[in-house]
Protein backbone atom coordinates (compact mmCIF):
# COMPACT_ATOMS: atom_id res chain seq x y z
CA UNK A 1 0.00 0.00 0.00
CA UNK A 2 1.42 3.39 -1.02
CA UNK A 3 0.13 6.79 0.09
CA UNK A 4 1.39 10.25 -0.86
CA UNK A 5 0.92 12.49 2.17
CA UNK A 6 -1.47 15.33 1.38
CA UNK A 7 -2.26 18.58 3.15
CA UNK A 8 -5.37 17.03 4.73
CA UNK A 9 -3.13 14.42 6.44
CA UNK A 10 -1.23 17.05 8.43
CA UNK A 11 -1.52 18.17 12.03
CA UNK A 12 -1.14 21.75 13.24
CA UNK A 13 2.68 21.36 13.23
CA UNK A 14 2.83 20.32 9.57
CA UNK A 15 3.55 16.63 10.26
CA UNK A 16 1.41 13.71 9.13
CA UNK A 17 -1.18 13.22 11.89
CA UNK A 18 -0.76 10.11 14.03
CA UNK A 19 -4.36 9.07 13.32
CA UNK A 20 -3.56 8.97 9.59
CA UNK A 21 -0.97 6.27 10.21
CA UNK A 22 -3.58 4.15 12.00
CA UNK A 23 -5.96 4.65 9.07
CA UNK A 24 -3.24 3.46 6.69
CA UNK A 25 -2.79 0.26 8.70
CA UNK A 26 -6.53 -0.37 8.76
CA UNK A 27 -6.80 0.30 5.01
CA UNK A 28 -4.64 -2.77 4.47
CA UNK A 29 -7.65 -4.96 5.40
CA UNK A 30 -10.74 -5.46 3.26
CA UNK A 31 -14.18 -4.45 4.54
CA UNK A 32 -15.08 -8.15 4.67
CA UNK A 33 -12.03 -8.96 6.83
CA UNK A 34 -12.93 -6.16 9.21
CA UNK A 35 -16.54 -7.36 9.52
CA UNK A 36 -15.52 -10.97 10.14
CA UNK A 37 -12.53 -10.23 12.39
CA UNK A 38 -12.92 -6.96 14.32
CA UNK A 39 -9.86 -5.19 15.66
CA UNK A 40 -9.06 -6.06 19.28
CA UNK A 41 -5.88 -4.06 19.74
CA UNK A 42 -3.65 -1.59 17.90
CA UNK A 43 -0.09 -0.83 18.98
CA UNK A 44 1.94 1.97 17.42
CA UNK A 45 5.53 3.15 17.84
CA UNK A 46 6.21 6.50 16.18
CA UNK A 47 9.86 6.65 15.09
CA UNK A 48 10.14 9.69 12.80
CA UNK A 49 7.93 12.44 11.40
CA UNK A 50 6.73 12.64 7.81
CA UNK A 51 5.51 15.62 5.83
CA UNK A 52 3.24 16.73 3.00
CA UNK A 53 4.44 15.24 -0.27
CA UNK A 54 6.23 12.28 1.33
CA UNK A 55 5.49 8.91 -0.24
CA UNK A 56 4.62 6.46 2.51
CA UNK A 57 4.89 2.71 1.91
CA UNK A 58 3.05 0.27 4.18
CA UNK A 59 4.79 -3.08 4.72
CA UNK A 60 2.93 -6.03 6.23
CA UNK A 61 3.80 -9.35 7.82
CA UNK A 62 1.97 -11.83 10.03
CA UNK A 63 3.34 -12.69 13.47
CA UNK A 64 4.81 -16.21 13.27
CA UNK A 65 3.52 -16.98 16.78
CA UNK A 66 0.03 -15.49 16.38
CA UNK A 67 -1.73 -15.49 13.00
CA UNK A 68 -4.27 -12.91 14.23
CA UNK A 69 -1.50 -10.36 14.89
CA UNK A 70 -0.52 -8.33 11.83
CA UNK A 71 2.79 -6.48 11.92
CA UNK A 72 3.35 -3.27 9.99
CA UNK A 73 6.03 -0.76 9.12
CA UNK A 74 5.35 2.52 7.39
CA UNK A 75 8.42 3.80 5.59
CA UNK A 76 9.40 6.89 3.64
CA UNK A 77 12.18 5.63 1.43
CA UNK A 78 14.49 3.64 3.69
CA UNK A 79 13.42 5.47 6.86
CA UNK A 80 10.99 3.72 9.21
CA UNK A 81 8.37 6.28 10.23
CA UNK A 82 6.04 4.01 12.23
CA UNK A 83 6.08 0.42 13.50
CA UNK A 84 2.79 -1.08 14.54
CA UNK A 85 0.61 -4.10 14.98
CA UNK A 86 -3.08 -4.87 14.63
CA UNK A 87 -4.60 -7.73 16.61
CA UNK A 88 -7.75 -9.13 15.01
PDB file of N, CA and C in Angstrom:
ATOM      1  N   UNK A   1       0.857  -1.171   0.000  1.00  0.00           N
ATOM      2  CA  UNK A   1       0.000   0.000   0.000  1.00  0.00           C
ATOM      3  C   UNK A   1       0.901   1.231   0.000  1.00  0.00           C
ATOM      4  N   UNK A   2       0.649   2.149  -0.909  1.00  0.00           N
ATOM      5  CA  UNK A   2       1.415   3.392  -1.016  1.00  0.00           C
ATOM      6  C   UNK A   2       0.473   4.573  -0.840  1.00  0.00           C
ATOM      7  N   UNK A   3       0.935   5.590  -0.122  1.00  0.00           N
ATOM      8  CA  UNK A   3       0.134   6.795   0.095  1.00  0.00           C
ATOM      9  C   UNK A   3       1.047   8.013   0.011  1.00  0.00           C
ATOM     10  N   UNK A   4       0.655   8.980  -0.803  1.00  0.00           N
ATOM     11  CA  UNK A   4       1.392  10.246  -0.858  1.00  0.00           C
ATOM     12  C   UNK A   4       0.722  11.200   0.122  1.00  0.00           C
ATOM     13  N   UNK A   5       1.465  11.622   1.128  1.00  0.00           N
ATOM     14  CA  UNK A   5       0.917  12.486   2.171  1.00  0.00           C
ATOM     15  C   UNK A   5       0.420  13.799   1.574  1.00  0.00           C
ATOM     16  N   UNK A   6      -0.814  14.121   1.888  1.00  0.00           N
ATOM     17  CA  UNK A   6      -1.468  15.326   1.382  1.00  0.00           C
ATOM     18  C   UNK A   6      -1.670  16.332   2.519  1.00  0.00           C
ATOM     19  N   UNK A   7      -2.049  17.533   2.155  1.00  0.00           N
ATOM     20  CA  UNK A   7      -2.262  18.584   3.146  1.00  0.00           C
ATOM     21  C   UNK A   7      -3.277  18.154   4.203  1.00  0.00           C
ATOM     22  N   UNK A   8      -4.323  17.444   3.784  1.00  0.00           N
ATOM     23  CA  UNK A   8      -5.373  17.027   4.726  1.00  0.00           C
ATOM     24  C   UNK A   8      -4.883  15.977   5.726  1.00  0.00           C
ATOM     25  N   UNK A   9      -3.712  15.398   5.510  1.00  0.00           N
ATOM     26  CA  UNK A   9      -3.131  14.417   6.435  1.00  0.00           C
ATOM     27  C   UNK A   9      -2.361  15.075   7.581  1.00  0.00           C
ATOM     28  N   UNK A  10      -2.140  16.375   7.508  1.00  0.00           N
ATOM     29  CA  UNK A  10      -1.228  17.049   8.429  1.00  0.00           C
ATOM     30  C   UNK A  10      -1.895  17.515   9.709  1.00  0.00           C
ATOM     31  N   UNK A  11      -1.072  17.583  10.776  1.00  0.00           N
ATOM     32  CA  UNK A  11      -1.522  18.172  12.028  1.00  0.00           C
ATOM     33  C   UNK A  11      -1.138  19.657  12.044  1.00  0.00           C
ATOM     34  N   UNK A  12      -1.384  20.306  13.133  1.00  0.00           N
ATOM     35  CA  UNK A  12      -1.140  21.748  13.236  1.00  0.00           C
ATOM     36  C   UNK A  12       0.348  22.097  13.085  1.00  0.00           C
ATOM     37  N   UNK A  13       1.238  21.125  13.337  1.00  0.00           N
ATOM     38  CA  UNK A  13       2.679  21.355  13.227  1.00  0.00           C
ATOM     39  C   UNK A  13       3.246  21.037  11.852  1.00  0.00           C
ATOM     40  N   UNK A  14       2.379  20.615  10.924  1.00  0.00           N
ATOM     41  CA  UNK A  14       2.828  20.316   9.571  1.00  0.00           C
ATOM     42  C   UNK A  14       3.364  18.908   9.372  1.00  0.00           C
ATOM     43  N   UNK A  15       3.142  18.034  10.361  1.00  0.00           N
ATOM     44  CA  UNK A  15       3.546  16.629  10.256  1.00  0.00           C
ATOM     45  C   UNK A  15       2.318  15.785   9.938  1.00  0.00           C
ATOM     46  N   UNK A  16       2.533  14.620   9.340  1.00  0.00           N
ATOM     47  CA  UNK A  16       1.409  13.707   9.130  1.00  0.00           C
ATOM     48  C   UNK A  16       0.845  13.338  10.501  1.00  0.00           C
ATOM     49  N   UNK A  17      -0.469  13.472  10.637  1.00  0.00           N
ATOM     50  CA  UNK A  17      -1.175  13.224  11.889  1.00  0.00           C
ATOM     51  C   UNK A  17      -1.076  11.751  12.277  1.00  0.00           C
ATOM     52  N   UNK A  18      -0.907  11.487  13.556  1.00  0.00           N
ATOM     53  CA  UNK A  18      -0.762  10.107  14.035  1.00  0.00           C
ATOM     54  C   UNK A  18      -1.975   9.239  13.707  1.00  0.00           C
ATOM     55  N   UNK A  19      -3.154   9.823  13.669  1.00  0.00           N
ATOM     56  CA  UNK A  19      -4.360   9.066  13.320  1.00  0.00           C
ATOM     57  C   UNK A  19      -4.292   8.595  11.869  1.00  0.00           C
ATOM     58  N   UNK A  20      -3.669   9.367  11.004  1.00  0.00           N
ATOM     59  CA  UNK A  20      -3.564   8.975   9.593  1.00  0.00           C
ATOM     60  C   UNK A  20      -2.768   7.687   9.446  1.00  0.00           C
ATOM     61  N   UNK A  21      -1.744   7.512  10.266  1.00  0.00           N
ATOM     62  CA  UNK A  21      -0.968   6.272  10.213  1.00  0.00           C
ATOM     63  C   UNK A  21      -1.836   5.069  10.594  1.00  0.00           C
ATOM     64  N   UNK A  22      -2.671   5.232  11.604  1.00  0.00           N
ATOM     65  CA  UNK A  22      -3.582   4.153  12.004  1.00  0.00           C
ATOM     66  C   UNK A  22      -4.542   3.837  10.861  1.00  0.00           C
ATOM     67  N   UNK A  23      -5.060   4.869  10.217  1.00  0.00           N
ATOM     68  CA  UNK A  23      -5.959   4.651   9.073  1.00  0.00           C
ATOM     69  C   UNK A  23      -5.254   3.883   7.956  1.00  0.00           C
ATOM     70  N   UNK A  24      -3.988   4.181   7.722  1.00  0.00           N
ATOM     71  CA  UNK A  24      -3.237   3.461   6.686  1.00  0.00           C
ATOM     72  C   UNK A  24      -3.108   1.977   7.028  1.00  0.00           C
ATOM     73  N   UNK A  25      -2.867   1.663   8.294  1.00  0.00           N
ATOM     74  CA  UNK A  25      -2.794   0.257   8.696  1.00  0.00           C
ATOM     75  C   UNK A  25      -4.133  -0.433   8.486  1.00  0.00           C
ATOM     76  N   UNK A  26      -5.204   0.226   8.890  1.00  0.00           N
ATOM     77  CA  UNK A  26      -6.535  -0.373   8.761  1.00  0.00           C
ATOM     78  C   UNK A  26      -6.949  -0.509   7.303  1.00  0.00           C
ATOM     79  N   UNK A  27      -6.479   0.388   6.441  1.00  0.00           N
ATOM     80  CA  UNK A  27      -6.797   0.305   5.010  1.00  0.00           C
ATOM     81  C   UNK A  27      -6.190  -0.931   4.354  1.00  0.00           C
ATOM     82  N   UNK A  28      -5.233  -1.548   5.008  1.00  0.00           N
ATOM     83  CA  UNK A  28      -4.636  -2.772   4.472  1.00  0.00           C
ATOM     84  C   UNK A  28      -5.681  -3.897   4.386  1.00  0.00           C
ATOM     85  N   UNK A  29      -6.644  -3.898   5.314  1.00  0.00           N
ATOM     86  CA  UNK A  29      -7.647  -4.958   5.401  1.00  0.00           C
ATOM     87  C   UNK A  29      -8.864  -4.625   4.548  1.00  0.00           C
ATOM     88  N   UNK A  30      -9.499  -5.656   4.018  1.00  0.00           N
ATOM     89  CA  UNK A  30     -10.739  -5.455   3.257  1.00  0.00           C
ATOM     90  C   UNK A  30     -11.895  -5.224   4.234  1.00  0.00           C
ATOM     91  N   UNK A  31     -12.988  -4.666   3.725  1.00  0.00           N
ATOM     92  CA  UNK A  31     -14.182  -4.452   4.545  1.00  0.00           C
ATOM     93  C   UNK A  31     -14.696  -5.789   5.077  1.00  0.00           C
ATOM     94  N   UNK A  32     -14.621  -6.816   4.251  1.00  0.00           N
ATOM     95  CA  UNK A  32     -15.079  -8.146   4.670  1.00  0.00           C
ATOM     96  C   UNK A  32     -14.231  -8.679   5.827  1.00  0.00           C
ATOM     97  N   UNK A  33     -12.911  -8.525   5.733  1.00  0.00           N
ATOM     98  CA  UNK A  33     -12.035  -8.957   6.827  1.00  0.00           C
ATOM     99  C   UNK A  33     -12.383  -8.237   8.120  1.00  0.00           C
ATOM    100  N   UNK A  34     -12.640  -6.951   8.020  1.00  0.00           N
ATOM    101  CA  UNK A  34     -12.934  -6.159   9.210  1.00  0.00           C
ATOM    102  C   UNK A  34     -14.270  -6.559   9.834  1.00  0.00           C
ATOM    103  N   UNK A  35     -15.249  -6.910   8.994  1.00  0.00           N
ATOM    104  CA  UNK A  35     -16.543  -7.358   9.522  1.00  0.00           C
ATOM    105  C   UNK A  35     -16.407  -8.713  10.214  1.00  0.00           C
ATOM    106  N   UNK A  36     -15.652  -9.616   9.604  1.00  0.00           N
ATOM    107  CA  UNK A  36     -15.520 -10.972  10.137  1.00  0.00           C
ATOM    108  C   UNK A  36     -14.548 -11.066  11.318  1.00  0.00           C
ATOM    109  N   UNK A  37     -13.560 -10.186  11.347  1.00  0.00           N
ATOM    110  CA  UNK A  37     -12.532 -10.226  12.392  1.00  0.00           C
ATOM    111  C   UNK A  37     -12.285  -8.808  12.900  1.00  0.00           C
ATOM    112  N   UNK A  38     -13.099  -8.334  13.838  1.00  0.00           N
ATOM    113  CA  UNK A  38     -12.921  -6.962  14.324  1.00  0.00           C
ATOM    114  C   UNK A  38     -11.568  -6.767  15.021  1.00  0.00           C
ATOM    115  N   UNK A  39     -11.123  -5.546  15.026  1.00  0.00           N
ATOM    116  CA  UNK A  39      -9.856  -5.191  15.662  1.00  0.00           C
ATOM    117  C   UNK A  39     -10.013  -5.274  17.180  1.00  0.00           C
ATOM    118  N   UNK A  40      -9.061  -5.962  17.823  1.00  0.00           N
ATOM    119  CA  UNK A  40      -9.059  -6.064  19.282  1.00  0.00           C
ATOM    120  C   UNK A  40      -8.021  -5.145  19.913  1.00  0.00           C
ATOM    121  N   UNK A  41      -6.948  -4.882  19.165  1.00  0.00           N
ATOM    122  CA  UNK A  41      -5.879  -4.058  19.737  1.00  0.00           C
ATOM    123  C   UNK A  41      -5.016  -3.482  18.615  1.00  0.00           C
ATOM    124  N   UNK A  42      -4.600  -2.245  18.804  1.00  0.00           N
ATOM    125  CA  UNK A  42      -3.651  -1.594  17.901  1.00  0.00           C
ATOM    126  C   UNK A  42      -2.499  -1.072  18.753  1.00  0.00           C
ATOM    127  N   UNK A  43      -1.286  -1.362  18.328  1.00  0.00           N
ATOM    128  CA  UNK A  43      -0.093  -0.829  18.984  1.00  0.00           C
ATOM    129  C   UNK A  43       0.711  -0.054  17.945  1.00  0.00           C
ATOM    130  N   UNK A  44       1.186   1.123  18.334  1.00  0.00           N
ATOM    131  CA  UNK A  44       1.943   1.970  17.418  1.00  0.00           C
ATOM    132  C   UNK A  44       3.198   2.486  18.118  1.00  0.00           C
ATOM    133  N   UNK A  45       4.292   2.529  17.375  1.00  0.00           N
ATOM    134  CA  UNK A  45       5.533   3.151  17.842  1.00  0.00           C
ATOM    135  C   UNK A  45       5.944   4.156  16.773  1.00  0.00           C
ATOM    136  N   UNK A  46       5.884   5.424  17.125  1.00  0.00           N
ATOM    137  CA  UNK A  46       6.208   6.495  16.185  1.00  0.00           C
ATOM    138  C   UNK A  46       7.709   6.762  16.255  1.00  0.00           C
ATOM    139  N   UNK A  47       8.398   6.558  15.135  1.00  0.00           N
ATOM    140  CA  UNK A  47       9.865   6.647  15.092  1.00  0.00           C
ATOM    141  C   UNK A  47      10.354   7.990  14.553  1.00  0.00           C
ATOM    142  N   UNK A  48       9.757   8.438  13.452  1.00  0.00           N
ATOM    143  CA  UNK A  48      10.143   9.693  12.803  1.00  0.00           C
ATOM    144  C   UNK A  48       8.893  10.409  12.305  1.00  0.00           C
ATOM    145  N   UNK A  49       9.046  11.668  11.959  1.00  0.00           N
ATOM    146  CA  UNK A  49       7.933  12.436  11.399  1.00  0.00           C
ATOM    147  C   UNK A  49       7.964  12.353   9.877  1.00  0.00           C
ATOM    148  N   UNK A  50       6.797  12.514   9.266  1.00  0.00           N
ATOM    149  CA  UNK A  50       6.732  12.639   7.808  1.00  0.00           C
ATOM    150  C   UNK A  50       5.915  13.881   7.478  1.00  0.00           C
ATOM    151  N   UNK A  51       6.014  14.310   6.221  1.00  0.00           N
ATOM    152  CA  UNK A  51       5.507  15.620   5.832  1.00  0.00           C
ATOM    153  C   UNK A  51       4.705  15.542   4.539  1.00  0.00           C
ATOM    154  N   UNK A  52       4.019  16.629   4.237  1.00  0.00           N
ATOM    155  CA  UNK A  52       3.243  16.731   3.002  1.00  0.00           C
ATOM    156  C   UNK A  52       4.155  16.446   1.807  1.00  0.00           C
ATOM    157  N   UNK A  53       3.671  15.594   0.917  1.00  0.00           N
ATOM    158  CA  UNK A  53       4.437  15.241  -0.269  1.00  0.00           C
ATOM    159  C   UNK A  53       5.258  13.977  -0.121  1.00  0.00           C
ATOM    160  N   UNK A  54       5.481  13.525   1.117  1.00  0.00           N
ATOM    161  CA  UNK A  54       6.230  12.283   1.325  1.00  0.00           C
ATOM    162  C   UNK A  54       5.432  11.096   0.793  1.00  0.00           C
ATOM    163  N   UNK A  55       6.118  10.151   0.190  1.00  0.00           N
ATOM    164  CA  UNK A  55       5.487   8.907  -0.245  1.00  0.00           C
ATOM    165  C   UNK A  55       5.700   7.874   0.846  1.00  0.00           C
ATOM    166  N   UNK A  56       4.591   7.420   1.414  1.00  0.00           N
ATOM    167  CA  UNK A  56       4.624   6.456   2.511  1.00  0.00           C
ATOM    168  C   UNK A  56       4.280   5.071   1.983  1.00  0.00           C
ATOM    169  N   UNK A  57       5.103   4.101   2.316  1.00  0.00           N
ATOM    170  CA  UNK A  57       4.894   2.706   1.911  1.00  0.00           C
ATOM    171  C   UNK A  57       4.547   1.896   3.156  1.00  0.00           C
ATOM    172  N   UNK A  58       3.468   1.117   3.066  1.00  0.00           N
ATOM    173  CA  UNK A  58       3.046   0.268   4.177  1.00  0.00           C
ATOM    174  C   UNK A  58       3.511  -1.159   3.895  1.00  0.00           C
ATOM    175  N   UNK A  59       4.294  -1.705   4.823  1.00  0.00           N
ATOM    176  CA  UNK A  59       4.791  -3.077   4.717  1.00  0.00           C
ATOM    177  C   UNK A  59       4.095  -3.934   5.766  1.00  0.00           C
ATOM    178  N   UNK A  60       3.743  -5.159   5.384  1.00  0.00           N
ATOM    179  CA  UNK A  60       2.934  -6.026   6.228  1.00  0.00           C
ATOM    180  C   UNK A  60       3.574  -7.396   6.381  1.00  0.00           C
ATOM    181  N   UNK A  61       3.407  -7.968   7.559  1.00  0.00           N
ATOM    182  CA  UNK A  61       3.802  -9.349   7.824  1.00  0.00           C
ATOM    183  C   UNK A  61       2.844  -9.891   8.881  1.00  0.00           C
ATOM    184  N   UNK A  62       2.797 -11.199   9.008  1.00  0.00           N
ATOM    185  CA  UNK A  62       1.967 -11.835  10.032  1.00  0.00           C
ATOM    186  C   UNK A  62       2.895 -12.409  11.091  1.00  0.00           C
ATOM    187  N   UNK A  63       2.557 -12.188  12.343  1.00  0.00           N
ATOM    188  CA  UNK A  63       3.344 -12.691  13.465  1.00  0.00           C
ATOM    189  C   UNK A  63       3.423 -14.216  13.379  1.00  0.00           C
ATOM    190  N   UNK A  64       4.627 -14.761  13.403  1.00  0.00           N
ATOM    191  CA  UNK A  64       4.811 -16.213  13.268  1.00  0.00           C
ATOM    192  C   UNK A  64       4.253 -16.991  14.458  1.00  0.00           C
ATOM    193  N   UNK A  65       4.050 -16.316  15.584  1.00  0.00           N
ATOM    194  CA  UNK A  65       3.522 -16.978  16.781  1.00  0.00           C
ATOM    195  C   UNK A  65       2.028 -16.764  16.974  1.00  0.00           C
ATOM    196  N   UNK A  66       1.453 -15.820  16.216  1.00  0.00           N
ATOM    197  CA  UNK A  66       0.032 -15.494  16.385  1.00  0.00           C
ATOM    198  C   UNK A  66      -0.510 -14.986  15.050  1.00  0.00           C
ATOM    199  N   UNK A  67      -1.244 -15.832  14.346  1.00  0.00           N
ATOM    200  CA  UNK A  67      -1.730 -15.494  13.000  1.00  0.00           C
ATOM    201  C   UNK A  67      -2.747 -14.360  12.993  1.00  0.00           C
ATOM    202  N   UNK A  68      -3.314 -14.021  14.151  1.00  0.00           N
ATOM    203  CA  UNK A  68      -4.265 -12.913  14.230  1.00  0.00           C
ATOM    204  C   UNK A  68      -3.575 -11.571  14.468  1.00  0.00           C
ATOM    205  N   UNK A  69      -2.257 -11.597  14.645  1.00  0.00           N
ATOM    206  CA  UNK A  69      -1.504 -10.358  14.887  1.00  0.00           C
ATOM    207  C   UNK A  69      -0.754  -9.985  13.612  1.00  0.00           C
ATOM    208  N   UNK A  70      -1.110  -8.837  13.070  1.00  0.00           N
ATOM    209  CA  UNK A  70      -0.519  -8.334  11.830  1.00  0.00           C
ATOM    210  C   UNK A  70       0.495  -7.248  12.177  1.00  0.00           C
ATOM    211  N   UNK A  71       1.693  -7.401  11.650  1.00  0.00           N
ATOM    212  CA  UNK A  71       2.794  -6.480  11.924  1.00  0.00           C
ATOM    213  C   UNK A  71       2.979  -5.540  10.741  1.00  0.00           C
ATOM    214  N   UNK A  72       3.228  -4.276  11.036  1.00  0.00           N
ATOM    215  CA  UNK A  72       3.347  -3.270   9.988  1.00  0.00           C
ATOM    216  C   UNK A  72       4.554  -2.376  10.216  1.00  0.00           C
ATOM    217  N   UNK A  73       5.090  -1.880   9.119  1.00  0.00           N
ATOM    218  CA  UNK A  73       6.028  -0.764   9.122  1.00  0.00           C
ATOM    219  C   UNK A  73       5.557   0.206   8.054  1.00  0.00           C
ATOM    220  N   UNK A  74       5.603   1.475   8.382  1.00  0.00           N
ATOM    221  CA  UNK A  74       5.350   2.518   7.393  1.00  0.00           C
ATOM    222  C   UNK A  74       6.684   3.214   7.176  1.00  0.00           C
ATOM    223  N   UNK A  75       7.118   3.229   5.921  1.00  0.00           N
ATOM    224  CA  UNK A  75       8.419   3.800   5.586  1.00  0.00           C
ATOM    225  C   UNK A  75       8.267   4.943   4.595  1.00  0.00           C
ATOM    226  N   UNK A  76       9.220   5.849   4.653  1.00  0.00           N
ATOM    227  CA  UNK A  76       9.395   6.888   3.644  1.00  0.00           C
ATOM    228  C   UNK A  76      10.804   6.659   3.109  1.00  0.00           C
ATOM    229  N   UNK A  77      10.877   6.067   1.926  1.00  0.00           N
ATOM    230  CA  UNK A  77      12.179   5.634   1.425  1.00  0.00           C
ATOM    231  C   UNK A  77      12.690   4.513   2.306  1.00  0.00           C
ATOM    232  N   UNK A  78      13.902   4.653   2.802  1.00  0.00           N
ATOM    233  CA  UNK A  78      14.492   3.638   3.686  1.00  0.00           C
ATOM    234  C   UNK A  78      14.223   3.918   5.162  1.00  0.00           C
ATOM    235  N   UNK A  79      13.634   5.074   5.465  1.00  0.00           N
ATOM    236  CA  UNK A  79      13.420   5.470   6.859  1.00  0.00           C
ATOM    237  C   UNK A  79      12.115   4.891   7.391  1.00  0.00           C
ATOM    238  N   UNK A  80      12.195   4.231   8.548  1.00  0.00           N
ATOM    239  CA  UNK A  80      10.994   3.719   9.211  1.00  0.00           C
ATOM    240  C   UNK A  80      10.348   4.875   9.967  1.00  0.00           C
ATOM    241  N   UNK A  81       9.116   5.192   9.594  1.00  0.00           N
ATOM    242  CA  UNK A  81       8.372   6.279  10.228  1.00  0.00           C
ATOM    243  C   UNK A  81       7.575   5.744  11.415  1.00  0.00           C
ATOM    244  N   UNK A  82       6.901   4.611  11.207  1.00  0.00           N
ATOM    245  CA  UNK A  82       6.042   4.014  12.234  1.00  0.00           C
ATOM    246  C   UNK A  82       6.195   2.499  12.192  1.00  0.00           C
ATOM    247  N   UNK A  83       6.213   1.873  13.366  1.00  0.00           N
ATOM    248  CA  UNK A  83       6.078   0.423  13.495  1.00  0.00           C
ATOM    249  C   UNK A  83       4.785   0.184  14.257  1.00  0.00           C
ATOM    250  N   UNK A  84       4.039  -0.828  13.847  1.00  0.00           N
ATOM    251  CA  UNK A  84       2.787  -1.078  14.535  1.00  0.00           C
ATOM    252  C   UNK A  84       2.304  -2.498  14.370  1.00  0.00           C
ATOM    253  N   UNK A  85       1.255  -2.806  15.116  1.00  0.00           N
ATOM    254  CA  UNK A  85       0.608  -4.104  14.976  1.00  0.00           C
ATOM    255  C   UNK A  85      -0.891  -3.940  15.170  1.00  0.00           C
ATOM    256  N   UNK A  86      -1.626  -4.824  14.509  1.00  0.00           N
ATOM    257  CA  UNK A  86      -3.085  -4.866  14.628  1.00  0.00           C
ATOM    258  C   UNK A  86      -3.451  -6.289  15.015  1.00  0.00           C
ATOM    259  N   UNK A  87      -4.143  -6.422  16.135  1.00  0.00           N
ATOM    260  CA  UNK A  87      -4.604  -7.726  16.613  1.00  0.00           C
ATOM    261  C   UNK A  87      -6.074  -7.874  16.241  1.00  0.00           C
ATOM    262  N   UNK A  88      -6.365  -8.877  15.408  1.00  0.00           N
ATOM    263  CA  UNK A  88      -7.749  -9.132  15.008  1.00  0.00           C
ATOM    264  C   UNK A  88      -8.357 -10.189  15.906  1.00  0.00           C
TER     265      UNK A  88
END
